[in-house]
Structures are given as structure tokens and as C-alpha cells.
Amino acid sequence: MDRRSFIALPFAAALAASLAAGPALAQGKGEIVMGAWGGGTSATWRAGVAEPFTKATGIPVKINEWPDPEPQIRAQRANPQYNMAVATYFNAANLHRDGLLETFDEAEFPDMKHVPERYKMKAADGRLIGIPAYFQYYGIAVNTDLAKVSDFQSWKDLADPKWKGKLSVTRPIYASTYDLVLFAKINGGDEKNIEPGLPLLKALGANALNVYNSMAHLNTLLTRGEVAAAPYYVTRVWGMKQAGVKNVEFVLPKEGSLAIPYILVVPKGAKHPEAYKAFLKSSLETTQQAKMLDLSGYIPLNTTTPISAQHEANFGMKLPALLERLYQPDWDVIAQTHKERVAMVEQLLSR
């Protein structure tokens, strides 16, 4: 799978035309019915994109929460009830391979020219599989009552026997996708060759008190001091700090980390193409991208989005420097090997 940037009428011009035509035309475009993970993700999309979009266009947006996009889209393959979904890149690769997603001509989306090539997912014919939304990245969340930030400056520190029973690890579905690929990369492998990552993941599992089953679960484990550290998402730590948590810090280890991007996809045969294309264009605009950064720390993939000094302080560096420290794997390779690697990691963590 290839990744590679869009030129059409600017969204603002299309929006002005629809508003000039009156509410009847806006309603005639249909509606957006969107699937998103619950909690912070769905709330961010409502406030950051859906509400301003509806206010500007008159097109209603409903956001329904689900635990995982793939099963829902597969279950409705003959008659999709959603015309928009937030997905991981490996979700999108799997769904596209099975013919379950619409694809798009890049020329329809002007802001795509501001998205780095490595974050574009394309089909063999060069059409876009979806529209990149934003990214976050992986690091180590540390409870500063139980450990020092300096204790976890390397991913390999997670293997230190002194942390026996004091760490946590995510479920195999994600440990196989994120942790294993990252650990392979820092030990000379990559997403195609994950063998070099197995010893570090096994050592992390041996040091883990438990396998956390949700982000809310790990938030509790960290803030209560039940575990000292765990690989975790920067946005989750950012959210805890925004909520006033004082004893959890985020570390970007010296080897760098994994970029975890998210993409907006459209189920094959989805209703109201005019509405969902307008929504896709809106999601890429700098105003909406900046709102999602402010609300939840989701980092813009439209590189022309202004980044405040406060956000740069949160990153610890300017955005271009951060991007240089993040690895973006081939998500199609990860998608194709997902089932067997989940089984492998289930066995590894159960020993």
C-alpha cells in the first residue's frame, strides 16, 4: 500500500454557496451519522468538528459511540447505517482490503497538500482510502510517587527486574500492534520483522502487575499508585494533567517512539455523499484541527495548523522536531499480520 496530497473548490466557497441557497438545500444534503470511540474521542469530535460544521452548513451530525469500528462496519456491509467513522490505520487497511470502504480522488480535498506523504493511505489505483484526522504518539506514563521520570528514559528500562510487579501492559490486540512493532524497531527490526521486539515485550509482561483493559483502568492504576509506569498514549496523560492530576508524567524515551495516526473512513455504499464529503473537508481545516488539539491534545496532520507555545511546551519541542522522532510504519503490513500477532502476544503475555 502506497501513501502519498487535493485541489477543488475550497470548503468555504462550497459552504457559502449552500448557505446562500437557504436551509432547504442544506437539509437536502442529508446528515452525518458517525461512529467513534466513546469518552474523550466522541466528545472531542462533537465539540471540535460536528457542532461548528452543523452551525455553518445546517447539516446535522449524530455521533454514536462504539468500542471498535471494524466489527460495526463489517456487520453492516450490505446496508451501512453510518456514513463516517474514526478508525486506526490498521482498521482502515483491513476494511479496504475487504472492499468495505469508499475511496476518494485526492483532488477533491485541497488541504491534503498540507498532510505529510507518509500519513496518506492510498489504494493501488492512487485513490485515498480515507482522510487523515490527527495523530498522537506512544511513550511511558510514570507515577512520580513511585518512580522518577529519569528511571524511564529508554524503552529498555521497562525490562529492569526492579520493576517486577510494578508495571502494566495493554491488551494483546494493541500490544501486538503498537508495543511489539516499536520494540522491534528500536532493536533493529521493523513491522515486517518483529522478532527483535519479542524479548523486550516478554520482559515487560514479566514485570507487569496486570494487563489493563481500558484507558480508564490504566488512569486509575497510575493515579492511585497501583503501578509505577506503563507504555501509554500522550493524549491520555495530557488529559489527566488537564483534569488536575499531579502525580503522572509522560516520557518520550530517547530511542523515539511510534506515531499513532487516525483516519476518517466512509463505509462502502454510505448514504449522503455530498454531506460526508463536506464533513471530510471540514475536518482537515486548520480551525477544526486546532480545536481538537486544544480539547484533547490530538496533534494536527494539516501542518499549516498554528501550534501555540503552550502546546510546543507540552510536546517538549516544535512539531517538525517531534515528527522526526516518531516512526510511522506500514500499516498495511500490520493489518495483514494482525490476527497471528495477536495470538502470538496472547501466548507471550500469558506465560
Protein backbone atom coordinates (compact mmCIF):
# COMPACT_ATOMS: atom_id res chain seq x y z
CA MET A 1 0.00 0.00 0.00
CA ASP A 2 1.16 3.39 -1.00
CA ARG A 3 0.92 6.67 0.87
CA ARG A 4 1.24 9.81 -0.90
CA SER A 5 -1.54 15.43 -1.47
CA PHE A 6 -6.02 17.68 -3.01
CA ILE A 7 -7.31 20.67 -5.35
CA ALA A 8 -11.00 21.53 -5.67
CA LEU A 9 -13.33 24.31 -4.62
CA PRO A 10 -12.35 25.45 -1.14
CA PHE A 11 -14.76 24.28 1.52
CA ALA A 12 -15.52 27.89 2.42
CA ALA A 13 -16.76 28.59 -1.12
CA ALA A 14 -18.94 25.49 -1.17
CA LEU A 15 -20.24 26.38 2.28
CA ALA A 16 -21.09 29.93 1.21
CA ALA A 17 -22.99 28.58 -1.79
CA SER A 18 -25.03 26.20 0.34
CA LEU A 19 -25.89 28.90 2.87
CA ALA A 20 -26.87 31.32 0.14
CA ALA A 21 -29.25 28.71 -1.25
CA GLY A 22 -31.01 28.54 2.10
CA PRO A 23 -31.76 25.92 4.79
CA ALA A 24 -33.77 23.70 2.46
CA LEU A 25 -30.71 22.93 0.34
CA ALA A 26 -28.54 22.28 3.41
CA GLN A 27 -31.13 19.80 4.74
CA GLY A 28 -31.37 18.21 1.31
CA LYS A 29 -27.73 17.17 1.60
CA GLY A 30 -28.72 14.66 4.26
CA GLU A 31 -26.91 14.05 7.52
CA ILE A 32 -23.75 12.63 9.04
CA VAL A 33 -24.06 9.52 11.20
CA MET A 34 -20.62 8.96 12.68
CA GLY A 35 -19.11 6.15 14.72
CA ALA A 36 -16.38 6.95 17.25
CA TRP A 37 -14.81 5.50 20.36
CA GLY A 38 -16.62 6.61 23.50
CA GLY A 39 -15.49 9.09 26.12
CA GLY A 40 -12.93 11.68 25.11
CA THR A 41 -12.84 10.75 21.41
CA SER A 42 -16.54 11.21 20.74
CA ALA A 43 -16.70 14.34 22.92
CA THR A 44 -13.78 15.89 21.01
CA TRP A 45 -15.40 15.24 17.63
CA ARG A 46 -18.70 16.70 18.80
CA ALA A 47 -17.20 19.93 20.11
CA GLY A 48 -14.27 20.24 17.70
CA VAL A 49 -15.88 19.44 14.34
CA ALA A 50 -19.53 18.33 14.47
CA GLU A 51 -21.07 21.33 16.22
CA PRO A 52 -19.25 24.01 14.17
CA PHE A 53 -19.98 22.04 10.98
CA THR A 54 -23.71 21.85 11.70
CA LYS A 55 -23.82 25.52 12.67
CA ALA A 56 -22.14 26.51 9.40
CA THR A 57 -23.93 24.16 6.99
CA GLY A 58 -27.22 23.16 8.61
CA ILE A 59 -26.24 19.50 8.08
CA PRO A 60 -26.97 17.52 11.26
CA VAL A 61 -24.29 15.27 12.75
CA LYS A 62 -25.03 12.33 15.04
CA ILE A 63 -22.09 10.68 16.79
CA ASN A 64 -22.68 7.18 18.13
CA GLU A 65 -20.15 5.52 20.39
CA TRP A 66 -18.75 2.05 19.72
CA PRO A 67 -15.82 0.02 21.10
CA ASP A 68 -14.25 -0.79 17.71
CA PRO A 69 -15.02 0.34 14.13
CA GLU A 70 -14.21 -2.87 12.28
CA PRO A 71 -16.96 -5.18 13.63
CA GLN A 72 -19.63 -2.49 13.20
CA ILE A 73 -18.70 -1.71 9.59
CA ARG A 74 -18.42 -5.40 8.72
CA ALA A 75 -21.79 -6.19 10.29
CA GLN A 76 -23.48 -3.52 8.17
CA ARG A 77 -21.67 -4.24 4.92
CA ALA A 78 -24.90 -4.77 2.94
CA ASN A 79 -26.67 -1.69 4.31
CA PRO A 80 -24.36 0.75 6.15
CA GLN A 81 -26.11 2.81 8.82
CA TYR A 82 -23.03 5.01 9.31
CA ASN A 83 -21.54 7.29 6.67
CA MET A 84 -18.49 8.30 8.69
CA ALA A 85 -16.15 6.60 11.17
CA VAL A 86 -12.95 7.34 13.06
CA ALA A 87 -10.55 4.42 12.70
CA THR A 88 -6.96 3.42 13.25
CA TYR A 89 -4.80 3.00 10.17
CA PHE A 90 -4.68 -0.77 10.59
CA ASN A 91 -8.50 -0.83 10.83
CA ALA A 92 -8.66 1.14 7.58
CA ALA A 93 -6.18 -1.16 5.83
CA ASN A 94 -8.16 -4.26 6.82
CA LEU A 95 -11.51 -2.80 5.79
CA HIS A 96 -10.19 -1.52 2.47
CA ARG A 97 -8.62 -4.86 1.61
CA ASP A 98 -12.04 -6.48 2.03
CA GLY A 99 -13.75 -3.88 -0.17
CA LEU A 100 -15.70 -2.23 2.64
CA LEU A 101 -14.62 1.41 2.25
CA GLU A 102 -15.22 4.20 -0.25
CA THR A 103 -12.13 5.75 -1.83
CA PHE A 104 -11.59 9.35 -2.93
CA ASP A 105 -9.86 11.43 -5.57
CA GLU A 106 -7.23 13.48 -3.77
CA ALA A 107 -8.02 16.48 -5.98
CA GLU A 108 -11.33 16.92 -4.12
CA PHE A 109 -9.60 17.89 -0.87
CA PRO A 110 -7.37 20.97 -1.10
CA ASP A 111 -5.94 20.70 2.42
CA MET A 112 -4.47 17.26 1.72
CA LYS A 113 -1.48 19.01 0.17
CA HIS A 114 -0.55 20.07 3.71
CA VAL A 115 -0.56 16.48 5.06
CA PRO A 116 2.83 14.71 5.07
CA GLU A 117 3.04 11.97 2.45
CA ARG A 118 3.77 9.23 4.96
CA TYR A 119 0.38 9.84 6.64
CA LYS A 120 -1.66 9.33 3.46
CA MET A 121 -3.21 5.93 2.85
CA LYS A 122 -3.81 5.09 -0.78
CA ALA A 123 -5.26 2.24 -2.76
CA ALA A 124 -3.35 0.59 -5.60
CA ASP A 125 -5.06 2.95 -8.07
CA GLY A 126 -3.83 6.02 -6.15
CA ARG A 127 -7.18 6.95 -4.61
CA LEU A 128 -7.35 7.89 -0.95
CA ILE A 129 -8.70 5.24 1.42
CA GLY A 130 -9.75 7.92 3.90
CA ILE A 131 -8.89 11.36 5.20
CA PRO A 132 -6.13 11.62 7.85
CA ALA A 133 -7.54 13.16 11.01
CA TYR A 134 -4.76 13.64 13.56
CA PHE A 135 -2.14 11.66 15.42
CA GLN A 136 -0.86 11.01 18.88
CA TYR A 137 2.19 9.10 19.98
CA TYR A 138 3.29 6.44 22.39
CA GLY A 139 5.54 6.88 25.38
CA ILE A 140 5.81 5.87 29.02
CA ALA A 141 3.43 7.19 31.67
CA VAL A 142 5.14 7.38 35.06
CA ASN A 143 3.64 7.68 38.55
CA THR A 144 6.07 10.13 40.17
CA ASP A 145 5.20 8.95 43.70
CA LEU A 146 6.65 5.52 42.88
CA ALA A 147 9.33 6.28 40.29
CA LYS A 148 11.32 9.13 38.79
CA VAL A 149 10.98 10.32 35.22
CA SER A 150 14.72 9.61 34.89
CA ASP A 151 14.02 5.92 35.61
CA PHE A 152 12.36 5.55 32.20
CA GLN A 153 14.48 7.41 29.67
CA SER A 154 14.73 4.29 27.49
CA TRP A 155 12.13 1.76 26.43
CA LYS A 156 14.57 -0.87 27.66
CA ASP A 157 14.13 0.40 31.22
CA LEU A 158 10.77 -1.41 31.21
CA ALA A 159 12.73 -4.69 31.32
CA ASP A 160 14.62 -3.85 34.55
CA PRO A 161 13.80 -6.60 37.10
CA LYS A 162 13.44 -3.97 39.85
CA TRP A 163 10.03 -3.16 38.36
CA LYS A 164 8.72 -6.70 38.85
CA GLY A 165 5.00 -6.45 39.66
CA LYS A 166 5.04 -2.65 39.34
CA LEU A 167 4.21 -2.07 35.66
CA SER A 168 1.19 -2.59 33.44
CA VAL A 169 0.79 -3.62 29.79
CA THR A 170 -2.04 -3.17 27.32
CA ARG A 171 -4.23 -5.91 25.81
CA PRO A 172 -2.69 -8.15 23.11
CA ILE A 173 -4.79 -6.54 20.35
CA TYR A 174 -2.86 -3.30 20.92
CA ALA A 175 0.40 -4.69 22.37
CA SER A 176 0.86 -6.65 19.13
CA THR A 177 0.13 -3.56 17.02
CA TYR A 178 2.00 -0.83 18.88
CA ASP A 179 4.38 -2.15 21.56
CA LEU A 180 5.73 -5.08 19.58
CA VAL A 181 6.32 -3.05 16.40
CA LEU A 182 8.01 -0.25 18.34
CA PHE A 183 10.18 -2.65 20.35
CA ALA A 184 11.20 -4.39 17.12
CA LYS A 185 12.16 -1.06 15.54
CA ILE A 186 14.41 0.07 18.39
CA ASN A 187 16.14 -3.31 18.37
CA GLY A 188 16.96 -3.39 14.67
CA GLY A 189 13.74 -4.81 13.22
CA ASP A 190 10.54 -3.23 11.94
CA GLU A 191 6.90 -4.06 11.26
CA LYS A 192 7.96 -6.76 8.80
CA ASN A 193 10.49 -8.29 11.17
CA ILE A 194 9.07 -8.27 14.70
CA GLU A 195 11.33 -10.95 16.18
CA PRO A 196 13.80 -8.40 17.66
CA GLY A 197 10.92 -6.90 19.67
CA LEU A 198 9.78 -10.09 21.37
CA PRO A 199 12.34 -10.21 24.22
CA LEU A 200 11.51 -6.68 25.42
CA LEU A 201 7.76 -7.29 25.24
CA LYS A 202 8.22 -10.55 27.14
CA ALA A 203 10.26 -8.74 29.81
CA LEU A 204 7.59 -6.03 30.10
CA GLY A 205 4.97 -8.74 30.52
CA ALA A 206 7.05 -10.41 33.24
CA ASN A 207 7.27 -7.10 35.12
CA ALA A 208 3.58 -6.29 34.71
CA LEU A 209 1.20 -6.49 37.64
CA ASN A 210 -1.65 -6.86 35.16
CA VAL A 211 -2.95 -6.29 31.63
CA TYR A 212 -5.02 -3.12 31.67
CA ASN A 213 -8.36 -3.47 29.89
CA SER A 214 -9.20 0.16 29.13
CA MET A 215 -7.72 3.63 29.33
CA ALA A 216 -9.95 4.39 32.31
CA HIS A 217 -8.48 1.31 34.00
CA LEU A 218 -4.87 2.43 33.48
CA ASN A 219 -5.70 6.00 34.51
CA THR A 220 -6.90 4.58 37.82
CA LEU A 221 -3.90 2.30 38.25
CA LEU A 222 -1.50 5.18 37.65
CA THR A 223 -3.18 7.88 39.70
CA ARG A 224 -3.77 5.59 42.69
CA GLY A 225 -0.19 4.36 42.60
CA GLU A 226 -1.07 0.73 41.92
CA VAL A 227 1.54 0.68 39.15
CA ALA A 228 4.66 2.79 38.67
CA ALA A 229 4.65 3.00 34.88
CA ALA A 230 3.26 1.67 31.61
CA PRO A 231 3.53 2.34 27.88
CA TYR A 232 0.71 4.79 27.16
CA TYR A 233 -0.65 7.46 24.84
CA VAL A 234 0.49 11.04 25.22
CA THR A 235 -3.08 12.32 24.88
CA ARG A 236 -4.24 10.27 27.87
CA VAL A 237 -1.53 11.72 30.11
CA TRP A 238 -2.30 15.18 28.71
CA GLY A 239 -5.96 14.63 29.61
CA MET A 240 -5.12 13.57 33.17
CA LYS A 241 -2.97 16.64 33.67
CA GLN A 242 -5.73 18.86 32.27
CA ALA A 243 -8.04 17.29 34.87
CA GLY A 244 -5.63 18.26 37.66
CA VAL A 245 -3.67 15.02 38.17
CA LYS A 246 -0.28 15.92 39.67
CA ASN A 247 1.47 12.57 40.06
CA VAL A 248 1.61 11.27 36.47
CA GLU A 249 4.15 12.43 33.88
CA PHE A 250 4.79 11.43 30.26
CA VAL A 251 8.21 10.40 28.93
CA LEU A 252 9.23 10.25 25.28
CA PRO A 253 12.15 7.76 25.51
CA LYS A 254 15.48 8.56 23.92
CA GLU A 255 15.01 6.00 21.11
CA GLY A 256 11.94 7.88 19.86
CA SER A 257 8.51 6.40 19.55
CA LEU A 258 5.63 5.32 17.36
CA ALA A 259 3.28 7.79 15.69
CA ILE A 260 -0.32 6.60 16.04
CA PRO A 261 -2.46 8.35 13.42
CA TYR A 262 -6.23 8.15 13.00
CA ILE A 263 -8.26 8.38 9.83
CA LEU A 264 -11.82 9.21 8.81
CA VAL A 265 -13.28 6.46 6.64
CA VAL A 266 -16.59 6.05 4.81
CA PRO A 267 -18.31 2.62 4.59
CA LYS A 268 -18.90 1.38 1.05
CA GLY A 269 -22.33 2.43 -0.18
CA ALA A 270 -22.82 5.03 2.57
CA LYS A 271 -25.68 7.49 2.19
CA HIS A 272 -25.43 11.25 1.56
CA PRO A 273 -22.10 11.63 -0.32
CA GLU A 274 -22.45 15.43 -0.56
CA ALA A 275 -22.77 15.66 3.24
CA TYR A 276 -19.93 13.32 4.10
CA LYS A 277 -17.52 14.91 1.61
CA ALA A 278 -18.23 18.33 3.11
CA PHE A 279 -17.58 16.90 6.58
CA LEU A 280 -14.30 15.33 5.44
CA LYS A 281 -13.13 18.67 4.04
CA SER A 282 -14.14 20.46 7.23
CA SER A 283 -12.20 18.02 9.42
CA LEU A 284 -8.95 18.94 7.65
CA GLU A 285 -9.33 22.70 8.06
CA THR A 286 -6.90 24.35 10.44
CA THR A 287 -9.66 25.77 12.66
CA GLN A 288 -11.06 22.31 13.42
CA GLN A 289 -7.62 20.72 13.72
CA ALA A 290 -6.59 23.39 16.23
CA LYS A 291 -9.78 22.85 18.25
CA MET A 292 -9.11 19.12 18.58
CA LEU A 293 -5.57 19.86 19.74
CA ASP A 294 -6.87 22.27 22.36
CA LEU A 295 -9.62 19.90 23.53
CA SER A 296 -7.75 16.61 23.73
CA GLY A 297 -4.15 17.01 22.59
CA TYR A 298 -4.78 15.37 19.21
CA ILE A 299 -1.93 16.62 17.04
CA PRO A 300 -2.88 18.12 13.64
CA LEU A 301 -1.92 16.33 10.44
CA ASN A 302 -2.56 19.53 8.49
CA THR A 303 0.89 21.01 9.03
CA THR A 304 -0.30 24.59 8.41
CA THR A 305 -2.31 24.49 11.66
CA PRO A 306 -0.87 27.05 14.12
CA ILE A 307 0.70 25.42 17.18
CA SER A 308 0.77 27.56 20.32
CA ALA A 309 3.85 27.96 22.51
CA GLN A 310 1.96 26.14 25.27
CA HIS A 311 1.40 23.11 23.07
CA GLU A 312 5.02 23.13 21.97
CA ALA A 313 5.95 23.16 25.65
CA ASN A 314 3.71 20.12 26.14
CA PHE A 315 5.48 18.34 23.26
CA GLY A 316 8.85 19.42 24.65
CA MET A 317 9.85 20.63 21.16
CA LYS A 318 8.49 22.13 17.94
CA LEU A 319 6.27 19.91 15.80
CA PRO A 320 8.81 19.26 12.97
CA ALA A 321 11.37 18.08 15.54
CA LEU A 322 8.76 15.84 17.17
CA LEU A 323 7.82 14.27 13.83
CA GLU A 324 11.48 13.42 13.25
CA ARG A 325 11.50 11.34 16.45
CA LEU A 326 8.39 9.32 15.57
CA TYR A 327 8.28 6.16 13.49
CA GLN A 328 5.44 5.72 11.00
CA PRO A 329 5.24 2.03 9.99
CA ASP A 330 3.49 0.46 7.02
CA TRP A 331 0.04 -0.13 8.48
CA ASP A 332 -0.92 -2.49 5.67
CA VAL A 333 1.79 -4.92 6.80
CA ILE A 334 0.49 -4.65 10.36
CA ALA A 335 -3.10 -5.22 9.22
CA GLN A 336 -2.23 -8.31 7.20
CA THR A 337 -0.38 -9.93 10.11
CA HIS A 338 -2.69 -8.71 12.86
CA LYS A 339 -4.56 -11.91 13.71
CA GLU A 340 -1.47 -14.11 14.00
CA ARG A 341 0.45 -11.50 16.00
CA VAL A 342 -2.40 -11.01 18.47
CA ALA A 343 -2.35 -14.78 19.08
CA MET A 344 1.44 -14.69 19.48
CA VAL A 345 1.29 -11.89 22.04
CA GLU A 346 -1.56 -13.56 23.94
CA GLN A 347 0.71 -16.58 24.43
CA LEU A 348 3.72 -14.42 25.26
CA LEU A 349 1.89 -12.45 27.98
CA SER A 350 0.19 -15.50 29.47
CA ARG A 351 3.49 -17.25 30.34
